[in-house]
Amino acid sequence: QHVRTRVKGVNVIPFSKFKRAIATLEDNKIRFIVEEDLFGLPIFSTIEFQPTIGPDGKLVVEKTGMFIGSLGIPPQIPLLDGPFKKFETGLKQEKKLVDKAKAITITKDYAVLVTKP
């Protein structure tokens, strides 16, 4: 529910209408899914992240996958992630909070963040 309010109005696909946003947890991954309506058809856009704590103690978030429908977009190509930038901008406040983490554990059932004192 929280993710939906943060990214409401974000359109990954041009001319589409935002319907809902979903966040799911997997082992060491967070997946954000945006459902949009394009001329009456549902379109799902997905972006996957793998957050870890780097050797310097700072949060490192690696994109591990991007999809529009079932079409995979290579996350290594920076020019192709333009539509997803709006989605990431909507979650910048949450990123600031997560940046304070010194340890992070993500499983299918829960996420644990240990913050700096």
Protein backbone atom coordinates (compact mmCIF):
# COMPACT_ATOMS: atom_id res chain seq x y z
CA GLN A 1 0.00 0.00 0.00
CA HIS A 2 2.83 2.39 0.88
CA VAL A 3 4.57 1.85 -2.46
CA ARG A 4 1.35 2.65 -4.31
CA THR A 5 1.04 6.06 -2.65
CA ARG A 6 4.70 6.90 -3.34
CA VAL A 7 4.64 6.10 -7.06
CA LYS A 8 1.04 7.00 -7.89
CA GLY A 9 0.86 8.72 -11.23
CA VAL A 10 4.13 7.21 -12.50
CA ASN A 11 3.73 5.99 -16.06
CA VAL A 12 6.42 3.70 -17.39
CA ILE A 13 4.54 3.22 -20.68
CA PRO A 14 3.57 6.40 -22.60
CA PHE A 15 -0.21 7.07 -22.87
CA SER A 16 -1.00 4.56 -20.13
CA LYS A 17 -2.94 5.07 -16.91
CA PHE A 18 -1.49 4.05 -13.54
CA LYS A 19 -3.50 1.27 -11.84
CA ARG A 20 -1.40 -0.06 -8.92
CA ALA A 21 2.08 -0.78 -7.62
CA ILE A 22 3.24 -3.93 -5.87
CA ALA A 23 6.45 -4.74 -3.98
CA THR A 24 7.49 -8.36 -3.54
CA LEU A 25 10.39 -9.89 -1.66
CA GLU A 26 12.55 -12.78 -2.79
CA ASP A 27 15.82 -14.11 -1.42
CA ASN A 28 18.23 -11.14 -1.61
CA LYS A 29 15.94 -9.29 -4.08
CA ILE A 30 13.20 -6.69 -4.06
CA ARG A 31 10.85 -6.58 -7.04
CA PHE A 32 8.64 -3.57 -7.81
CA ILE A 33 5.77 -4.10 -10.23
CA VAL A 34 3.65 -1.32 -11.72
CA GLU A 35 0.36 -2.18 -13.41
CA GLU A 36 -0.81 0.27 -16.02
CA ASP A 37 -3.81 0.37 -18.32
CA LEU A 38 -3.04 0.95 -21.99
CA PHE A 39 -6.23 1.31 -24.05
CA GLY A 40 -8.03 -1.17 -21.79
CA LEU A 41 -5.22 -3.72 -21.65
CA PRO A 42 -3.18 -4.31 -18.48
CA ILE A 43 0.57 -3.82 -18.87
CA PHE A 44 2.96 -4.83 -16.09
CA SER A 45 6.37 -3.17 -15.77
CA THR A 46 8.85 -4.72 -13.35
CA ILE A 47 12.20 -3.66 -11.92
CA GLU A 48 14.30 -5.88 -9.64
CA PHE A 49 16.97 -4.73 -7.20
CA GLN A 50 19.55 -6.61 -5.16
CA PRO A 51 20.63 -4.44 -2.20
CA THR A 52 23.87 -5.24 -0.39
CA ILE A 53 26.24 -3.47 1.94
CA GLY A 54 29.57 -2.72 0.25
CA PRO A 55 33.02 -3.05 1.80
CA ASP A 56 32.98 0.64 2.75
CA GLY A 57 29.78 0.12 4.78
CA LYS A 58 27.50 1.92 2.31
CA LEU A 59 24.40 0.53 0.67
CA VAL A 60 24.90 -0.73 -2.88
CA VAL A 61 21.74 -1.31 -4.91
CA GLU A 62 22.23 -3.28 -8.10
CA LYS A 63 19.53 -3.54 -10.75
CA THR A 64 19.18 -7.20 -11.62
CA GLY A 65 16.25 -7.07 -14.03
CA MET A 66 13.79 -4.84 -15.86
CA PHE A 67 10.71 -6.01 -17.75
CA ILE A 68 7.87 -4.43 -19.69
CA GLY A 69 5.29 -7.19 -19.87
CA SER A 70 7.36 -10.31 -20.45
CA LEU A 71 9.97 -8.44 -22.50
CA GLY A 72 13.25 -8.41 -20.58
CA ILE A 73 15.39 -5.28 -20.75
CA PRO A 74 19.10 -5.72 -19.94
CA PRO A 75 19.79 -3.69 -16.76
CA GLN A 76 23.43 -3.22 -17.81
CA ILE A 77 22.43 -0.86 -20.64
CA PRO A 78 21.82 2.53 -18.97
CA LEU A 79 19.95 4.09 -21.91
CA LEU A 80 17.13 1.55 -21.67
CA ASP A 81 16.19 2.28 -18.05
CA GLY A 82 14.80 5.76 -18.79
CA PRO A 83 11.13 4.86 -18.22
CA PHE A 84 12.00 3.34 -14.83
CA LYS A 85 13.75 6.51 -13.59
CA LYS A 86 10.37 8.06 -12.72
CA PHE A 87 9.61 5.06 -10.55
CA GLU A 88 12.93 5.32 -8.72
CA THR A 89 12.40 9.07 -8.19
CA GLY A 90 9.09 8.33 -6.45
CA LEU A 91 10.93 6.19 -3.90
CA LYS A 92 13.82 8.59 -3.16
CA GLN A 93 12.64 9.26 0.42
CA GLU A 94 12.67 5.54 1.18
CA LYS A 95 16.13 5.23 -0.38
CA LYS A 96 17.44 7.86 2.04
CA LEU A 97 16.15 5.80 4.96
CA VAL A 98 17.64 2.58 3.60
CA ASP A 99 20.98 4.35 3.00
CA LYS A 100 21.36 4.49 6.79
CA ALA A 101 21.49 0.68 6.95
CA LYS A 102 24.70 -1.06 7.93
CA ALA A 103 23.27 -4.53 7.29
CA ILE A 104 20.39 -5.82 5.20
CA THR A 105 18.79 -9.25 4.92
CA ILE A 106 15.98 -10.03 2.50
CA THR A 107 14.06 -13.30 2.33
CA LYS A 108 10.77 -14.28 0.75
CA ASP A 109 8.88 -13.48 3.97
CA TYR A 110 10.59 -10.41 5.41
CA ALA A 111 13.31 -7.75 5.12
CA VAL A 112 15.56 -6.79 8.04
CA LEU A 113 17.52 -3.53 8.07
CA VAL A 114 20.03 -2.82 10.80
CA THR A 115 20.65 0.92 10.97
CA LYS A 116 23.71 2.79 12.11
CA PRO A 117 23.56 4.07 15.71
